[in-house]
Amino acid sequence: MNESHELKRRQEDYASTSLIIHNLSLIGWEKGLGMIWKTGPLTDTEAFRELIGVKPGEKFVGMIQLGYPKKVPRAMPRMDLDTRITELN
């Protein structure tokens, strides 16, 4: 993603890019695909950035591993929605 000099814009752009990746994973899941979004120390190295063509002024957000899973893991327990929402009056 392009990396703005303005902090607020940079944060919004990172959030938007993350949402695109998340939505891609949901669409893939509907089609029977599994997806893993990866980052890590390797992705911050100059050699990696050069290898994949990240230019100055750009931010690397993640690698996507995509494929058909051999086994679908059991769903994790979810929190009750009411514990996650705070209503302001």
C-alpha atoms as a PDB file:
ATOM      1  CA  MET A   1       0.000   0.000   0.000  1.00  0.00           C
ATOM      2  CA  ASN A   2       1.106   3.590  -0.480  1.00  0.00           C
ATOM      3  CA  GLU A   3       2.279   5.044   2.822  1.00  0.00           C
ATOM      4  CA  SER A   4       1.048   8.580   3.447  1.00  0.00           C
ATOM      5  CA  HIS A   5       3.106  11.076   5.430  1.00  0.00           C
ATOM      6  CA  GLU A   6      -0.058  11.891   7.410  1.00  0.00           C
ATOM      7  CA  LEU A   7      -0.473   9.544  10.402  1.00  0.00           C
ATOM      8  CA  LYS A   8      -4.297   9.459  10.288  1.00  0.00           C
ATOM      9  CA  ARG A   9      -4.346   8.731   6.544  1.00  0.00           C
ATOM     10  CA  ARG A  10      -1.641   6.057   6.960  1.00  0.00           C
ATOM     11  CA  GLN A  11      -3.691   4.351   9.697  1.00  0.00           C
ATOM     12  CA  GLU A  12      -6.873   4.479   7.610  1.00  0.00           C
ATOM     13  CA  ASP A  13      -5.051   3.091   4.563  1.00  0.00           C
ATOM     14  CA  TYR A  14      -3.603   0.225   6.615  1.00  0.00           C
ATOM     15  CA  ALA A  15      -7.060  -0.565   8.039  1.00  0.00           C
ATOM     16  CA  SER A  16      -8.603  -0.470   4.548  1.00  0.00           C
ATOM     17  CA  THR A  17      -5.916  -2.764   3.138  1.00  0.00           C
ATOM     18  CA  SER A  18      -6.414  -5.158   6.064  1.00  0.00           C
ATOM     19  CA  LEU A  19     -10.167  -5.219   5.389  1.00  0.00           C
ATOM     20  CA  ILE A  20      -9.545  -6.096   1.747  1.00  0.00           C
ATOM     21  CA  ILE A  21      -7.388  -9.040   2.840  1.00  0.00           C
ATOM     22  CA  HIS A  22      -9.998 -10.122   5.383  1.00  0.00           C
ATOM     23  CA  ASN A  23     -12.833  -9.901   2.856  1.00  0.00           C
ATOM     24  CA  LEU A  24     -10.753 -11.902   0.381  1.00  0.00           C
ATOM     25  CA  SER A  25     -10.389 -14.636   2.992  1.00  0.00           C
ATOM     26  CA  LEU A  26     -14.165 -14.701   3.587  1.00  0.00           C
ATOM     27  CA  ILE A  27     -14.870 -14.964  -0.146  1.00  0.00           C
ATOM     28  CA  GLY A  28     -12.276 -17.731  -0.442  1.00  0.00           C
ATOM     29  CA  TRP A  29     -13.817 -19.608   2.491  1.00  0.00           C
ATOM     30  CA  GLU A  30     -17.200 -19.520   0.719  1.00  0.00           C
ATOM     31  CA  LYS A  31     -15.486 -21.199  -2.256  1.00  0.00           C
ATOM     32  CA  GLY A  32     -13.864 -23.884  -0.078  1.00  0.00           C
ATOM     33  CA  LEU A  33     -10.442 -22.233   0.027  1.00  0.00           C
ATOM     34  CA  GLY A  34      -8.293 -21.820   3.095  1.00  0.00           C
ATOM     35  CA  MET A  35      -6.167 -18.731   3.552  1.00  0.00           C
ATOM     36  CA  ILE A  36      -3.412 -17.610   5.900  1.00  0.00           C
ATOM     37  CA  TRP A  37      -2.311 -13.985   6.127  1.00  0.00           C
ATOM     38  CA  LYS A  38       1.381 -13.849   7.075  1.00  0.00           C
ATOM     39  CA  THR A  39       3.826 -11.175   8.144  1.00  0.00           C
ATOM     40  CA  GLY A  40       6.940 -11.387  10.264  1.00  0.00           C
ATOM     41  CA  PRO A  41      10.547 -10.285  10.625  1.00  0.00           C
ATOM     42  CA  LEU A  42      11.457 -11.499   7.127  1.00  0.00           C
ATOM     43  CA  THR A  43       8.958  -9.094   5.566  1.00  0.00           C
ATOM     44  CA  ASP A  44      10.702  -6.111   7.181  1.00  0.00           C
ATOM     45  CA  THR A  45      14.118  -6.808   5.656  1.00  0.00           C
ATOM     46  CA  GLU A  46      15.500  -4.726   2.813  1.00  0.00           C
ATOM     47  CA  ALA A  47      16.305  -7.907   0.848  1.00  0.00           C
ATOM     48  CA  PHE A  48      12.662  -9.040   1.015  1.00  0.00           C
ATOM     49  CA  ARG A  49      11.323  -5.626   0.074  1.00  0.00           C
ATOM     50  CA  GLU A  50      13.673  -5.521  -2.907  1.00  0.00           C
ATOM     51  CA  LEU A  51      12.816  -9.093  -3.959  1.00  0.00           C
ATOM     52  CA  ILE A  52       9.081  -8.394  -4.198  1.00  0.00           C
ATOM     53  CA  GLY A  53       9.461  -4.839  -5.485  1.00  0.00           C
ATOM     54  CA  VAL A  54       8.279  -2.718  -2.538  1.00  0.00           C
ATOM     55  CA  LYS A  55       9.301   0.844  -3.377  1.00  0.00           C
ATOM     56  CA  PRO A  56      10.118   3.704  -1.000  1.00  0.00           C
ATOM     57  CA  GLY A  57       6.852   5.210   0.192  1.00  0.00           C
ATOM     58  CA  GLU A  58       5.078   1.834   0.137  1.00  0.00           C
ATOM     59  CA  LYS A  59       4.223  -0.449   3.064  1.00  0.00           C
ATOM     60  CA  PHE A  60       4.163  -4.247   2.827  1.00  0.00           C
ATOM     61  CA  VAL A  61       0.982  -5.470   4.550  1.00  0.00           C
ATOM     62  CA  GLY A  62       1.264  -9.243   4.225  1.00  0.00           C
ATOM     63  CA  MET A  63       1.666 -12.450   2.258  1.00  0.00           C
ATOM     64  CA  ILE A  64      -1.392 -14.544   1.490  1.00  0.00           C
ATOM     65  CA  GLN A  65      -1.133 -18.330   1.402  1.00  0.00           C
ATOM     66  CA  LEU A  66      -4.154 -19.738  -0.388  1.00  0.00           C
ATOM     67  CA  GLY A  67      -5.262 -23.273  -1.179  1.00  0.00           C
ATOM     68  CA  TYR A  68      -7.699 -26.104  -0.552  1.00  0.00           C
ATOM     69  CA  PRO A  69      -7.313 -27.448   2.998  1.00  0.00           C
ATOM     70  CA  LYS A  70      -6.896 -31.184   3.608  1.00  0.00           C
ATOM     71  CA  LYS A  71      -8.760 -30.776   6.870  1.00  0.00           C
ATOM     72  CA  VAL A  72     -11.025 -27.989   8.132  1.00  0.00           C
ATOM     73  CA  PRO A  73     -10.281 -27.173  11.780  1.00  0.00           C
ATOM     74  CA  ARG A  74     -13.053 -27.181  14.350  1.00  0.00           C
ATOM     75  CA  ALA A  75     -14.547 -23.735  14.978  1.00  0.00           C
ATOM     76  CA  MET A  76     -13.317 -21.889  18.058  1.00  0.00           C
ATOM     77  CA  PRO A  77     -15.900 -20.920  20.696  1.00  0.00           C
ATOM     78  CA  ARG A  78     -17.206 -17.409  20.148  1.00  0.00           C
ATOM     79  CA  MET A  79     -17.901 -14.685  22.648  1.00  0.00           C
ATOM     80  CA  ASP A  80     -21.490 -13.605  23.093  1.00  0.00           C
ATOM     81  CA  LEU A  81     -22.118 -10.521  20.945  1.00  0.00           C
ATOM     82  CA  ASP A  82     -23.632  -8.634  23.897  1.00  0.00           C
ATOM     83  CA  THR A  83     -20.285  -8.787  25.726  1.00  0.00           C
ATOM     84  CA  ARG A  84     -18.583  -7.069  22.772  1.00  0.00           C
ATOM     85  CA  ILE A  85     -20.931  -4.098  22.303  1.00  0.00           C
ATOM     86  CA  THR A  86     -21.187  -1.001  24.484  1.00  0.00           C
ATOM     87  CA  GLU A  87     -24.174   1.220  23.902  1.00  0.00           C
ATOM     88  CA  LEU A  88     -23.663   4.934  24.438  1.00  0.00           C
ATOM     89  CA  ASN A  89     -26.638   7.133  25.237  1.00  0.00           C
END
